[in-house]
Structure formats: C-alpha cells, structure tokens
C-alpha cells in the first residue's frame, strides 16, 4: 500500500460522503452526479487493489495480517457497487443517503486498512 494513495482515497471517500449527505439533506434523488461521486471512490479502490496485489506479489506484507487487509479491501470494493445498485433500483432521497453512508463506510474501512498495513 502506498501511503499517499491511501490518504488520497481517505480524503476522496470522506468528501464524497459529505457531498452525498448534503445532496440527501437537499432532498435530491440519486443522479448521474451522485453515482459518479461514488464511482470515483470505487475507481480509487480498484487502483488500490492493483497496487496492493503488485506489492504483495513483490514480497511486501502488511505489518499485522495481510489476509485481513485483503478481506477489508475486497469488502470495501463491494460496498459502492451494492449502494449504487440500491440507488438505481429505489430512486428517492434516502437512496442518496445510502450512497453517503457507503462512502463513509469505505472511508472507515480505508482507515482500518491503513492501520493493518502500516501497523499503527
């Protein structure tokens, strides 16, 4: 895991959570903009997955548990997809809140992945 990349992903996911929360409070239904914000989080997670796989195949390991790290990473990959599907199926303002919670959850999971990888 690259330190600057995880910090960038943390910032993107928490900013996305705040932006989606504001959209939900403004009673906005899920739109292309709200799904794109969550798509940006998903894209960052995909980049992180590739980087992590390359680093582990090169011999690096997480300080505490590499398997736990990848468990968090693969679950974090599924959360935006599930939330996006929910938002497309049920289009109301609460679906935008689901997107906000998904982005915040990914941010918390990224913080935990950082703790696992770097050992703090």
PDB file of N, CA and C in Angstrom:
ATOM      1  N   UNK A   1       0.840  -1.165   0.000  1.00  0.00           N
ATOM      2  CA  UNK A   1       0.000   0.000   0.000  1.00  0.00           C
ATOM      3  C   UNK A   1       0.890   1.234   0.000  1.00  0.00           C
ATOM      4  N   UNK A   2       0.543   2.172  -0.819  1.00  0.00           N
ATOM      5  CA  UNK A   2       1.298   3.416  -0.904  1.00  0.00           C
ATOM      6  C   UNK A   2       0.613   4.442   0.003  1.00  0.00           C
ATOM      7  N   UNK A   3       1.406   5.077   0.862  1.00  0.00           N
ATOM      8  CA  UNK A   3       0.862   5.967   1.892  1.00  0.00           C
ATOM      9  C   UNK A   3       0.082   7.133   1.291  1.00  0.00           C
ATOM     10  N   UNK A   4       0.630   7.798   0.298  1.00  0.00           N
ATOM     11  CA  UNK A   4      -0.064   8.950  -0.265  1.00  0.00           C
ATOM     12  C   UNK A   4      -1.352   8.532  -0.964  1.00  0.00           C
ATOM     13  N   UNK A   5      -1.368   7.332  -1.537  1.00  0.00           N
ATOM     14  CA  UNK A   5      -2.572   6.859  -2.231  1.00  0.00           C
ATOM     15  C   UNK A   5      -3.701   6.591  -1.238  1.00  0.00           C
ATOM     16  N   UNK A   6      -3.373   5.977  -0.111  1.00  0.00           N
ATOM     17  CA  UNK A   6      -4.414   5.699   0.882  1.00  0.00           C
ATOM     18  C   UNK A   6      -4.937   6.999   1.490  1.00  0.00           C
ATOM     19  N   UNK A   7      -4.061   7.972   1.691  1.00  0.00           N
ATOM     20  CA  UNK A   7      -4.506   9.272   2.215  1.00  0.00           C
ATOM     21  C   UNK A   7      -5.406   9.994   1.211  1.00  0.00           C
ATOM     22  N   UNK A   8      -5.074   9.897  -0.069  1.00  0.00           N
ATOM     23  CA  UNK A   8      -5.910  10.487  -1.113  1.00  0.00           C
ATOM     24  C   UNK A   8      -7.279   9.812  -1.146  1.00  0.00           C
ATOM     25  N   UNK A   9      -7.289   8.485  -1.045  1.00  0.00           N
ATOM     26  CA  UNK A   9      -8.554   7.755  -1.042  1.00  0.00           C
ATOM     27  C   UNK A   9      -9.395   8.086   0.187  1.00  0.00           C
ATOM     28  N   UNK A  10      -8.737   8.247   1.328  1.00  0.00           N
ATOM     29  CA  UNK A  10      -9.461   8.659   2.541  1.00  0.00           C
ATOM     30  C   UNK A  10     -10.134  10.012   2.327  1.00  0.00           C
ATOM     31  N   UNK A  11      -9.394  10.955   1.780  1.00  0.00           N
ATOM     32  CA  UNK A  11      -9.953  12.290   1.540  1.00  0.00           C
ATOM     33  C   UNK A  11     -11.106  12.228   0.544  1.00  0.00           C
ATOM     34  N   UNK A  12     -10.937  11.489  -0.539  1.00  0.00           N
ATOM     35  CA  UNK A  12     -11.986  11.391  -1.551  1.00  0.00           C
ATOM     36  C   UNK A  12     -13.244  10.750  -0.967  1.00  0.00           C
ATOM     37  N   UNK A  13     -13.072   9.672  -0.208  1.00  0.00           N
ATOM     38  CA  UNK A  13     -14.257   8.982   0.311  1.00  0.00           C
ATOM     39  C   UNK A  13     -14.993   9.832   1.337  1.00  0.00           C
ATOM     40  N   UNK A  14     -14.279  10.510   2.222  1.00  0.00           N
ATOM     41  CA  UNK A  14     -14.969  11.336   3.212  1.00  0.00           C
ATOM     42  C   UNK A  14     -15.584  12.590   2.582  1.00  0.00           C
ATOM     43  N   UNK A  15     -14.911  13.168   1.593  1.00  0.00           N
ATOM     44  CA  UNK A  15     -15.513  14.302   0.880  1.00  0.00           C
ATOM     45  C   UNK A  15     -16.752  13.861   0.108  1.00  0.00           C
ATOM     46  N   UNK A  16     -16.687  12.675  -0.486  1.00  0.00           N
ATOM     47  CA  UNK A  16     -17.849  12.133  -1.192  1.00  0.00           C
ATOM     48  C   UNK A  16     -18.996  11.902  -0.220  1.00  0.00           C
ATOM     49  N   UNK A  17     -18.689  11.394   0.971  1.00  0.00           N
ATOM     50  CA  UNK A  17     -19.727  11.157   1.975  1.00  0.00           C
ATOM     51  C   UNK A  17     -20.398  12.470   2.368  1.00  0.00           C
ATOM     52  N   UNK A  18     -19.612  13.510   2.572  1.00  0.00           N
ATOM     53  CA  UNK A  18     -20.178  14.812   2.945  1.00  0.00           C
ATOM     54  C   UNK A  18     -21.020  15.378   1.799  1.00  0.00           C
ATOM     55  N   UNK A  19     -20.495  15.310   0.577  1.00  0.00           N
ATOM     56  CA  UNK A  19     -21.230  15.844  -0.572  1.00  0.00           C
ATOM     57  C   UNK A  19     -22.549  15.097  -0.773  1.00  0.00           C
ATOM     58  N   UNK A  20     -22.520  13.780  -0.652  1.00  0.00           N
ATOM     59  CA  UNK A  20     -23.738  12.993  -0.822  1.00  0.00           C
ATOM     60  C   UNK A  20     -24.721  13.236   0.329  1.00  0.00           C
ATOM     61  N   UNK A  21     -24.194  13.438   1.530  1.00  0.00           N
ATOM     62  CA  UNK A  21     -25.052  13.756   2.671  1.00  0.00           C
ATOM     63  C   UNK A  21     -25.778  15.082   2.428  1.00  0.00           C
ATOM     64  N   UNK A  22     -25.056  16.083   1.935  1.00  0.00           N
ATOM     65  CA  UNK A  22     -25.661  17.384   1.635  1.00  0.00           C
ATOM     66  C   UNK A  22     -26.719  17.231   0.539  1.00  0.00           C
ATOM     67  N   UNK A  23     -26.433  16.420  -0.477  1.00  0.00           N
ATOM     68  CA  UNK A  23     -27.419  16.178  -1.535  1.00  0.00           C
ATOM     69  C   UNK A  23     -28.673  15.522  -0.969  1.00  0.00           C
ATOM     70  N   UNK A  24     -28.486  14.621  -0.019  1.00  0.00           N
ATOM     71  CA  UNK A  24     -29.629  13.950   0.597  1.00  0.00           C
ATOM     72  C   UNK A  24     -30.454  14.921   1.436  1.00  0.00           C
ATOM     73  N   UNK A  25     -29.788  15.766   2.204  1.00  0.00           N
ATOM     74  CA  UNK A  25     -30.485  16.766   3.011  1.00  0.00           C
ATOM     75  C   UNK A  25     -31.264  17.731   2.112  1.00  0.00           C
ATOM     76  N   UNK A  26     -30.713  18.016   0.922  1.00  0.00           N
ATOM     77  CA  UNK A  26     -31.387  18.895  -0.036  1.00  0.00           C
ATOM     78  C   UNK A  26     -32.485  18.163  -0.804  1.00  0.00           C
ATOM     79  N   UNK A  27     -32.778  16.917  -0.390  1.00  0.00           N
ATOM     80  CA  UNK A  27     -33.835  16.091  -0.975  1.00  0.00           C
ATOM     81  C   UNK A  27     -33.605  15.782  -2.445  1.00  0.00           C
ATOM     82  N   UNK A  28     -32.352  15.610  -2.820  1.00  0.00           N
ATOM     83  CA  UNK A  28     -32.029  15.250  -4.198  1.00  0.00           C
ATOM     84  C   UNK A  28     -32.059  13.748  -4.359  1.00  0.00           C
ATOM     85  N   UNK A  29     -32.674  13.307  -5.403  1.00  0.00           N
ATOM     86  CA  UNK A  29     -32.705  11.885  -5.713  1.00  0.00           C
ATOM     87  C   UNK A  29     -31.372  11.509  -6.356  1.00  0.00           C
ATOM     88  N   UNK A  30     -31.015  10.232  -6.326  1.00  0.00           N
ATOM     89  CA  UNK A  30     -29.757   9.822  -6.957  1.00  0.00           C
ATOM     90  C   UNK A  30     -29.741  10.211  -8.431  1.00  0.00           C
ATOM     91  N   UNK A  31     -28.641  10.775  -8.845  1.00  0.00           N
ATOM     92  CA  UNK A  31     -28.491  11.199 -10.237  1.00  0.00           C
ATOM     93  C   UNK A  31     -27.137  10.719 -10.740  1.00  0.00           C
ATOM     94  N   UNK A  32     -26.832  11.091 -11.956  1.00  0.00           N
ATOM     95  CA  UNK A  32     -25.539  10.730 -12.525  1.00  0.00           C
ATOM     96  C   UNK A  32     -24.395  11.338 -11.716  1.00  0.00           C
ATOM     97  N   UNK A  33     -24.615  12.531 -11.178  1.00  0.00           N
ATOM     98  CA  UNK A  33     -23.587  13.201 -10.378  1.00  0.00           C
ATOM     99  C   UNK A  33     -23.316  12.419  -9.092  1.00  0.00           C
ATOM    100  N   UNK A  34     -24.375  12.042  -8.379  1.00  0.00           N
ATOM    101  CA  UNK A  34     -24.184  11.331  -7.117  1.00  0.00           C
ATOM    102  C   UNK A  34     -23.581   9.948  -7.344  1.00  0.00           C
ATOM    103  N   UNK A  35     -23.981   9.285  -8.407  1.00  0.00           N
ATOM    104  CA  UNK A  35     -23.386   7.979  -8.710  1.00  0.00           C
ATOM    105  C   UNK A  35     -21.940   8.123  -9.178  1.00  0.00           C
ATOM    106  N   UNK A  36     -21.626   9.222  -9.848  1.00  0.00           N
ATOM    107  CA  UNK A  36     -20.250   9.459 -10.295  1.00  0.00           C
ATOM    108  C   UNK A  36     -19.310   9.703  -9.119  1.00  0.00           C
ATOM    109  N   UNK A  37     -19.827  10.379  -8.097  1.00  0.00           N
ATOM    110  CA  UNK A  37     -19.018  10.629  -6.904  1.00  0.00           C
ATOM    111  C   UNK A  37     -18.638   9.297  -6.253  1.00  0.00           C
ATOM    112  N   UNK A  38     -19.609   8.403  -6.148  1.00  0.00           N
ATOM    113  CA  UNK A  38     -19.324   7.087  -5.583  1.00  0.00           C
ATOM    114  C   UNK A  38     -18.472   6.258  -6.541  1.00  0.00           C
ATOM    115  N   UNK A  39     -18.639   6.469  -7.829  1.00  0.00           N
ATOM    116  CA  UNK A  39     -17.807   5.786  -8.818  1.00  0.00           C
ATOM    117  C   UNK A  39     -16.345   6.182  -8.698  1.00  0.00           C
ATOM    118  N   UNK A  40     -16.093   7.425  -8.320  1.00  0.00           N
ATOM    119  CA  UNK A  40     -14.723   7.884  -8.096  1.00  0.00           C
ATOM    120  C   UNK A  40     -14.089   7.135  -6.928  1.00  0.00           C
ATOM    121  N   UNK A  41     -14.878   6.912  -5.887  1.00  0.00           N
ATOM    122  CA  UNK A  41     -14.391   6.133  -4.745  1.00  0.00           C
ATOM    123  C   UNK A  41     -14.074   4.706  -5.188  1.00  0.00           C
ATOM    124  N   UNK A  42     -14.956   4.117  -5.982  1.00  0.00           N
ATOM    125  CA  UNK A  42     -14.743   2.755  -6.471  1.00  0.00           C
ATOM    126  C   UNK A  42     -13.495   2.673  -7.353  1.00  0.00           C
ATOM    127  N   UNK A  43     -13.288   3.659  -8.196  1.00  0.00           N
ATOM    128  CA  UNK A  43     -12.101   3.681  -9.049  1.00  0.00           C
ATOM    129  C   UNK A  43     -10.832   3.731  -8.213  1.00  0.00           C
ATOM    130  N   UNK A  44     -10.832   4.550  -7.171  1.00  0.00           N
ATOM    131  CA  UNK A  44      -9.683   4.613  -6.274  1.00  0.00           C
ATOM    132  C   UNK A  44      -9.432   3.290  -5.579  1.00  0.00           C
ATOM    133  N   UNK A  45     -10.501   2.600  -5.202  1.00  0.00           N
ATOM    134  CA  UNK A  45     -10.347   1.283  -4.577  1.00  0.00           C
ATOM    135  C   UNK A  45      -9.771   0.265  -5.549  1.00  0.00           C
ATOM    136  N   UNK A  46     -10.177   0.351  -6.806  1.00  0.00           N
ATOM    137  CA  UNK A  46      -9.621  -0.567  -7.810  1.00  0.00           C
ATOM    138  C   UNK A  46      -8.123  -0.323  -8.005  1.00  0.00           C
ATOM    139  N   UNK A  47      -7.719   0.944  -8.029  1.00  0.00           N
ATOM    140  CA  UNK A  47      -6.298   1.272  -8.140  1.00  0.00           C
ATOM    141  C   UNK A  47      -5.549   0.728  -6.920  1.00  0.00           C
ATOM    142  N   UNK A  48      -6.137   0.912  -5.736  1.00  0.00           N
ATOM    143  CA  UNK A  48      -5.520   0.417  -4.510  1.00  0.00           C
ATOM    144  C   UNK A  48      -5.395  -1.105  -4.532  1.00  0.00           C
ATOM    145  N   UNK A  49      -6.384  -1.782  -5.077  1.00  0.00           N
ATOM    146  CA  UNK A  49      -6.338  -3.242  -5.172  1.00  0.00           C
ATOM    147  C   UNK A  49      -5.186  -3.693  -6.049  1.00  0.00           C
ATOM    148  N   UNK A  50      -5.051  -3.071  -7.206  1.00  0.00           N
ATOM    149  CA  UNK A  50      -3.968  -3.445  -8.120  1.00  0.00           C
ATOM    150  C   UNK A  50      -2.604  -3.169  -7.483  1.00  0.00           C
ATOM    151  N   UNK A  51      -2.468  -1.996  -6.871  1.00  0.00           N
ATOM    152  CA  UNK A  51      -1.201  -1.648  -6.226  1.00  0.00           C
ATOM    153  C   UNK A  51      -0.874  -2.629  -5.107  1.00  0.00           C
ATOM    154  N   UNK A  52      -1.874  -2.985  -4.312  1.00  0.00           N
ATOM    155  CA  UNK A  52      -1.649  -3.902  -3.193  1.00  0.00           C
ATOM    156  C   UNK A  52      -1.267  -5.294  -3.673  1.00  0.00           C
ATOM    157  N   UNK A  53      -1.919  -5.771  -4.719  1.00  0.00           N
ATOM    158  CA  UNK A  53      -1.584  -7.090  -5.262  1.00  0.00           C
ATOM    159  C   UNK A  53      -0.164  -7.096  -5.808  1.00  0.00           C
ATOM    160  N   UNK A  54       0.216  -6.040  -6.501  1.00  0.00           N
ATOM    161  CA  UNK A  54       1.585  -5.949  -7.041  1.00  0.00           C
ATOM    162  C   UNK A  54       2.603  -5.909  -5.906  1.00  0.00           C
ATOM    163  N   UNK A  55       2.336  -5.138  -4.864  1.00  0.00           N
ATOM    164  CA  UNK A  55       3.277  -5.049  -3.745  1.00  0.00           C
ATOM    165  C   UNK A  55       3.411  -6.382  -3.010  1.00  0.00           C
ATOM    166  N   UNK A  56       2.290  -7.063  -2.786  1.00  0.00           N
ATOM    167  CA  UNK A  56       2.356  -8.344  -2.082  1.00  0.00           C
ATOM    168  C   UNK A  56       3.036  -9.401  -2.941  1.00  0.00           C
ATOM    169  N   UNK A  57       2.796  -9.387  -4.244  1.00  0.00           N
ATOM    170  CA  UNK A  57       3.476 -10.354  -5.110  1.00  0.00           C
ATOM    171  C   UNK A  57       4.966 -10.040  -5.217  1.00  0.00           C
ATOM    172  N   UNK A  58       5.358  -8.810  -4.916  1.00  0.00           N
ATOM    173  CA  UNK A  58       6.761  -8.428  -4.903  1.00  0.00           C
ATOM    174  C   UNK A  58       7.459  -8.702  -3.585  1.00  0.00           C
ATOM    175  N   UNK A  59       6.713  -9.203  -2.596  1.00  0.00           N
ATOM    176  CA  UNK A  59       7.336  -9.586  -1.336  1.00  0.00           C
ATOM    177  C   UNK A  59       6.962  -8.750  -0.129  1.00  0.00           C
ATOM    178  N   UNK A  60       6.274  -7.630  -0.330  1.00  0.00           N
ATOM    179  CA  UNK A  60       5.868  -6.820   0.825  1.00  0.00           C
ATOM    180  C   UNK A  60       4.689  -7.460   1.521  1.00  0.00           C
ATOM    181  N   UNK A  61       4.557  -7.212   2.778  1.00  0.00           N
ATOM    182  CA  UNK A  61       3.456  -7.747   3.567  1.00  0.00           C
ATOM    183  C   UNK A  61       2.934  -6.665   4.504  1.00  0.00           C
ATOM    184  N   UNK A  62       1.692  -6.841   4.925  1.00  0.00           N
ATOM    185  CA  UNK A  62       1.126  -5.954   5.934  1.00  0.00           C
ATOM    186  C   UNK A  62       1.815  -6.227   7.257  1.00  0.00           C
ATOM    187  N   UNK A  63       1.906  -5.210   8.097  1.00  0.00           N
ATOM    188  CA  UNK A  63       2.595  -5.370   9.385  1.00  0.00           C
ATOM    189  C   UNK A  63       1.878  -6.355  10.298  1.00  0.00           C
ATOM    190  N   UNK A  64       0.542  -6.382  10.256  1.00  0.00           N
ATOM    191  CA  UNK A  64      -0.168  -7.267  11.164  1.00  0.00           C
ATOM    192  C   UNK A  64      -0.696  -8.510  10.460  1.00  0.00           C
ATOM    193  N   UNK A  65      -1.568  -8.371   9.450  1.00  0.00           N
ATOM    194  CA  UNK A  65      -2.163  -9.532   8.813  1.00  0.00           C
ATOM    195  C   UNK A  65      -2.555  -9.191   7.380  1.00  0.00           C
ATOM    196  N   UNK A  66      -1.870  -9.772   6.426  1.00  0.00           N
ATOM    197  CA  UNK A  66      -2.126  -9.484   5.022  1.00  0.00           C
ATOM    198  C   UNK A  66      -3.484 -10.015   4.582  1.00  0.00           C
ATOM    199  N   UNK A  67      -3.892 -11.165   5.079  1.00  0.00           N
ATOM    200  CA  UNK A  67      -5.183 -11.738   4.692  1.00  0.00           C
ATOM    201  C   UNK A  67      -6.327 -10.854   5.187  1.00  0.00           C
ATOM    202  N   UNK A  68      -6.211 -10.348   6.405  1.00  0.00           N
ATOM    203  CA  UNK A  68      -7.231  -9.442   6.934  1.00  0.00           C
ATOM    204  C   UNK A  68      -7.292  -8.169   6.094  1.00  0.00           C
ATOM    205  N   UNK A  69      -6.135  -7.663   5.682  1.00  0.00           N
ATOM    206  CA  UNK A  69      -6.073  -6.473   4.839  1.00  0.00           C
ATOM    207  C   UNK A  69      -6.854  -6.690   3.544  1.00  0.00           C
ATOM    208  N   UNK A  70      -6.606  -7.815   2.874  1.00  0.00           N
ATOM    209  CA  UNK A  70      -7.302  -8.075   1.615  1.00  0.00           C
ATOM    210  C   UNK A  70      -8.784  -8.354   1.838  1.00  0.00           C
ATOM    211  N   UNK A  71      -9.143  -8.903   2.991  1.00  0.00           N
ATOM    212  CA  UNK A  71     -10.558  -9.062   3.317  1.00  0.00           C
ATOM    213  C   UNK A  71     -11.263  -7.719   3.374  1.00  0.00           C
ATOM    214  N   UNK A  72     -10.642  -6.777   4.081  1.00  0.00           N
ATOM    215  CA  UNK A  72     -11.203  -5.418   4.141  1.00  0.00           C
ATOM    216  C   UNK A  72     -11.268  -4.798   2.743  1.00  0.00           C
ATOM    217  N   UNK A  73     -10.226  -4.983   1.962  1.00  0.00           N
ATOM    218  CA  UNK A  73     -10.157  -4.362   0.644  1.00  0.00           C
ATOM    219  C   UNK A  73     -11.244  -4.900  -0.281  1.00  0.00           C
ATOM    220  N   UNK A  74     -11.444  -6.209  -0.291  1.00  0.00           N
ATOM    221  CA  UNK A  74     -12.445  -6.774  -1.196  1.00  0.00           C
ATOM    222  C   UNK A  74     -13.870  -6.451  -0.745  1.00  0.00           C
ATOM    223  N   UNK A  75     -14.111  -6.377   0.560  1.00  0.00           N
ATOM    224  CA  UNK A  75     -15.435  -5.964   1.033  1.00  0.00           C
ATOM    225  C   UNK A  75     -15.659  -4.487   0.705  1.00  0.00           C
ATOM    226  N   UNK A  76     -14.622  -3.671   0.869  1.00  0.00           N
ATOM    227  CA  UNK A  76     -14.746  -2.250   0.530  1.00  0.00           C
ATOM    228  C   UNK A  76     -15.037  -2.055  -0.958  1.00  0.00           C
ATOM    229  N   UNK A  77     -14.563  -2.962  -1.797  1.00  0.00           N
ATOM    230  CA  UNK A  77     -14.873  -2.895  -3.224  1.00  0.00           C
ATOM    231  C   UNK A  77     -16.349  -3.173  -3.497  1.00  0.00           C
ATOM    232  N   UNK A  78     -16.968  -4.002  -2.674  1.00  0.00           N
ATOM    233  CA  UNK A  78     -18.365  -4.380  -2.899  1.00  0.00           C
ATOM    234  C   UNK A  78     -19.358  -3.330  -2.408  1.00  0.00           C
ATOM    235  N   UNK A  79     -18.982  -2.555  -1.425  1.00  0.00           N
ATOM    236  CA  UNK A  79     -19.919  -1.606  -0.813  1.00  0.00           C
ATOM    237  C   UNK A  79     -20.419  -0.552  -1.805  1.00  0.00           C
ATOM    238  N   UNK A  80     -19.552   0.139  -2.565  1.00  0.00           N
ATOM    239  CA  UNK A  80     -20.073   1.126  -3.524  1.00  0.00           C
ATOM    240  C   UNK A  80     -20.939   0.495  -4.614  1.00  0.00           C
ATOM    241  N   UNK A  81     -20.610  -0.724  -5.004  1.00  0.00           N
ATOM    242  CA  UNK A  81     -21.403  -1.395  -6.039  1.00  0.00           C
ATOM    243  C   UNK A  81     -22.809  -1.686  -5.511  1.00  0.00           C
ATOM    244  N   UNK A  82     -22.882  -2.223  -4.286  1.00  0.00           N
ATOM    245  CA  UNK A  82     -24.183  -2.503  -3.689  1.00  0.00           C
ATOM    246  C   UNK A  82     -25.008  -1.250  -3.468  1.00  0.00           C
ATOM    247  N   UNK A  83     -24.364  -0.193  -2.983  1.00  0.00           N
ATOM    248  CA  UNK A  83     -25.075   1.063  -2.742  1.00  0.00           C
ATOM    249  C   UNK A  83     -25.541   1.687  -4.059  1.00  0.00           C
ATOM    250  N   UNK A  84     -24.707   1.608  -5.089  1.00  0.00           N
ATOM    251  CA  UNK A  84     -25.099   2.134  -6.396  1.00  0.00           C
ATOM    252  C   UNK A  84     -26.268   1.373  -6.982  1.00  0.00           C
ATOM    253  N   UNK A  85     -26.269   0.055  -6.810  1.00  0.00           N
ATOM    254  CA  UNK A  85     -27.385  -0.754  -7.280  1.00  0.00           C
ATOM    255  C   UNK A  85     -28.660  -0.371  -6.542  1.00  0.00           C
ATOM    256  N   UNK A  86     -28.550  -0.195  -5.232  1.00  0.00           N
ATOM    257  CA  UNK A  86     -29.694   0.209  -4.414  1.00  0.00           C
ATOM    258  C   UNK A  86     -30.238   1.556  -4.909  1.00  0.00           C
ATOM    259  N   UNK A  87     -29.341   2.490  -5.170  1.00  0.00           N
ATOM    260  CA  UNK A  87     -29.757   3.819  -5.606  1.00  0.00           C
ATOM    261  C   UNK A  87     -30.439   3.789  -6.974  1.00  0.00           C
ATOM    262  N   UNK A  88     -30.034   2.865  -7.825  1.00  0.00           N
ATOM    263  CA  UNK A  88     -30.673   2.764  -9.137  1.00  0.00           C
ATOM    264  C   UNK A  88     -32.036   2.090  -9.063  1.00  0.00           C
ATOM    265  N   UNK A  89     -32.184   1.140  -8.145  1.00  0.00           N
ATOM    266  CA  UNK A  89     -33.448   0.421  -8.023  1.00  0.00           C
ATOM    267  C   UNK A  89     -34.504   1.266  -7.314  1.00  0.00           C
ATOM    268  N   UNK A  90     -34.117   1.910  -6.220  1.00  0.00           N
ATOM    269  CA  UNK A  90     -35.055   2.698  -5.416  1.00  0.00           C
ATOM    270  C   UNK A  90     -34.612   4.156  -5.445  1.00  0.00           C
ATOM    271  N   UNK A  91     -35.181   4.905  -6.342  1.00  0.00           N
ATOM    272  CA  UNK A  91     -34.738   6.277  -6.554  1.00  0.00           C
ATOM    273  C   UNK A  91     -35.549   7.265  -5.713  1.00  0.00           C
ATOM    274  N   UNK A  92     -35.077   7.485  -4.490  1.00  0.00           N
ATOM    275  CA  UNK A  92     -35.639   8.530  -3.644  1.00  0.00           C
ATOM    276  C   UNK A  92     -34.496   9.183  -2.885  1.00  0.00           C
ATOM    277  N   UNK A  93     -34.823  10.175  -2.056  1.00  0.00           N
ATOM    278  CA  UNK A  93     -33.734  10.908  -1.393  1.00  0.00           C
ATOM    279  C   UNK A  93     -32.977  10.031  -0.409  1.00  0.00           C
ATOM    280  N   UNK A  94     -33.630   9.002   0.126  1.00  0.00           N
ATOM    281  CA  UNK A  94     -32.942   8.121   1.069  1.00  0.00           C
ATOM    282  C   UNK A  94     -31.890   7.271   0.364  1.00  0.00           C
ATOM    283  N   UNK A  95     -32.069   7.048  -0.910  1.00  0.00           N
ATOM    284  CA  UNK A  95     -31.038   6.326  -1.657  1.00  0.00           C
ATOM    285  C   UNK A  95     -29.761   7.150  -1.747  1.00  0.00           C
ATOM    286  N   UNK A  96     -29.904   8.459  -1.820  1.00  0.00           N
ATOM    287  CA  UNK A  96     -28.726   9.319  -1.792  1.00  0.00           C
ATOM    288  C   UNK A  96     -28.048   9.228  -0.429  1.00  0.00           C
ATOM    289  N   UNK A  97     -28.829   9.090   0.632  1.00  0.00           N
ATOM    290  CA  UNK A  97     -28.250   8.903   1.970  1.00  0.00           C
ATOM    291  C   UNK A  97     -27.522   7.563   2.056  1.00  0.00           C
ATOM    292  N   UNK A  98     -28.063   6.537   1.404  1.00  0.00           N
ATOM    293  CA  UNK A  98     -27.385   5.234   1.368  1.00  0.00           C
ATOM    294  C   UNK A  98     -26.029   5.382   0.681  1.00  0.00           C
ATOM    295  N   UNK A  99     -25.969   6.164  -0.388  1.00  0.00           N
ATOM    296  CA  UNK A  99     -24.691   6.414  -1.067  1.00  0.00           C
ATOM    297  C   UNK A  99     -23.720   7.136  -0.139  1.00  0.00           C
ATOM    298  N   UNK A 100     -24.228   8.087   0.642  1.00  0.00           N
ATOM    299  CA  UNK A 100     -23.371   8.823   1.587  1.00  0.00           C
ATOM    300  C   UNK A 100     -22.831   7.887   2.659  1.00  0.00           C
ATOM    301  N   UNK A 101     -23.679   7.032   3.190  1.00  0.00           N
ATOM    302  CA  UNK A 101     -23.237   6.084   4.214  1.00  0.00           C
ATOM    303  C   UNK A 101     -22.224   5.104   3.629  1.00  0.00           C
ATOM    304  N   UNK A 102     -22.439   4.696   2.389  1.00  0.00           N
ATOM    305  CA  UNK A 102     -21.493   3.780   1.735  1.00  0.00           C
ATOM    306  C   UNK A 102     -20.121   4.434   1.589  1.00  0.00           C
ATOM    307  N   UNK A 103     -20.089   5.690   1.165  1.00  0.00           N
ATOM    308  CA  UNK A 103     -18.812   6.394   1.021  1.00  0.00           C
ATOM    309  C   UNK A 103     -18.125   6.559   2.369  1.00  0.00           C
ATOM    310  N   UNK A 104     -18.892   6.883   3.402  1.00  0.00           N
ATOM    311  CA  UNK A 104     -18.319   7.000   4.750  1.00  0.00           C
ATOM    312  C   UNK A 104     -17.804   5.667   5.267  1.00  0.00           C
ATOM    313  N   UNK A 105     -18.544   4.597   5.001  1.00  0.00           N
ATOM    314  CA  UNK A 105     -18.117   3.263   5.418  1.00  0.00           C
ATOM    315  C   UNK A 105     -16.814   2.870   4.745  1.00  0.00           C
ATOM    316  N   UNK A 106     -16.704   3.169   3.472  1.00  0.00           N
ATOM    317  CA  UNK A 106     -15.453   2.878   2.755  1.00  0.00           C
ATOM    318  C   UNK A 106     -14.306   3.681   3.363  1.00  0.00           C
ATOM    319  N   UNK A 107     -14.565   4.921   3.743  1.00  0.00           N
ATOM    320  CA  UNK A 107     -13.528   5.727   4.391  1.00  0.00           C
ATOM    321  C   UNK A 107     -13.052   5.118   5.695  1.00  0.00           C
ATOM    322  N   UNK A 108     -13.984   4.625   6.502  1.00  0.00           N
ATOM    323  CA  UNK A 108     -13.613   3.988   7.764  1.00  0.00           C
ATOM    324  C   UNK A 108     -12.828   2.703   7.495  1.00  0.00           C
ATOM    325  N   UNK A 109     -13.259   1.952   6.496  1.00  0.00           N
ATOM    326  CA  UNK A 109     -12.544   0.717   6.157  1.00  0.00           C
ATOM    327  C   UNK A 109     -11.134   1.018   5.639  1.00  0.00           C
ATOM    328  N   UNK A 110     -10.993   2.106   4.890  1.00  0.00           N
ATOM    329  CA  UNK A 110      -9.663   2.507   4.419  1.00  0.00           C
ATOM    330  C   UNK A 110      -8.754   2.874   5.589  1.00  0.00           C
ATOM    331  N   UNK A 111      -9.312   3.560   6.576  1.00  0.00           N
ATOM    332  CA  UNK A 111      -8.511   3.901   7.757  1.00  0.00           C
ATOM    333  C   UNK A 111      -8.062   2.634   8.481  1.00  0.00           C
ATOM    334  N   UNK A 112      -8.941   1.650   8.579  1.00  0.00           N
ATOM    335  CA  UNK A 112      -8.570   0.385   9.212  1.00  0.00           C
ATOM    336  C   UNK A 112      -7.526  -0.361   8.381  1.00  0.00           C
ATOM    337  N   UNK A 113      -7.666  -0.324   7.057  1.00  0.00           N
ATOM    338  CA  UNK A 113      -6.671  -0.971   6.194  1.00  0.00           C
ATOM    339  C   UNK A 113      -5.299  -0.321   6.366  1.00  0.00           C
ATOM    340  N   UNK A 114      -5.287   0.991   6.542  1.00  0.00           N
ATOM    341  CA  UNK A 114      -4.030   1.694   6.778  1.00  0.00           C
ATOM    342  C   UNK A 114      -3.401   1.236   8.084  1.00  0.00           C
ATOM    343  N   UNK A 115      -4.214   1.054   9.108  1.00  0.00           N
ATOM    344  CA  UNK A 115      -3.708   0.556  10.394  1.00  0.00           C
ATOM    345  C   UNK A 115      -3.147  -0.849  10.255  1.00  0.00           C
ATOM    346  N   UNK A 116      -3.822  -1.696   9.524  1.00  0.00           N
ATOM    347  CA  UNK A 116      -3.366  -3.077   9.335  1.00  0.00           C
ATOM    348  C   UNK A 116      -2.061  -3.104   8.567  1.00  0.00           C
ATOM    349  N   UNK A 117      -1.979  -2.332   7.479  1.00  0.00           N
ATOM    350  CA  UNK A 117      -0.800  -2.384   6.605  1.00  0.00           C
ATOM    351  C   UNK A 117       0.437  -1.794   7.295  1.00  0.00           C
ATOM    352  N   UNK A 118       0.266  -0.627   7.903  1.00  0.00           N
ATOM    353  CA  UNK A 118       1.421   0.051   8.485  1.00  0.00           C
ATOM    354  C   UNK A 118       1.659  -0.290   9.954  1.00  0.00           C
ATOM    355  N   UNK A 119       0.711  -0.964  10.594  1.00  0.00           N
ATOM    356  CA  UNK A 119       0.909  -1.436  11.950  1.00  0.00           C
ATOM    357  C   UNK A 119       0.779  -0.389  13.042  1.00  0.00           C
ATOM    358  N   UNK A 120      -0.089   0.594  12.833  1.00  0.00           N
ATOM    359  CA  UNK A 120      -0.324   1.569  13.901  1.00  0.00           C
ATOM    360  C   UNK A 120      -1.779   1.738  14.158  1.00  0.00           C
TER     361      UNK A 120
END
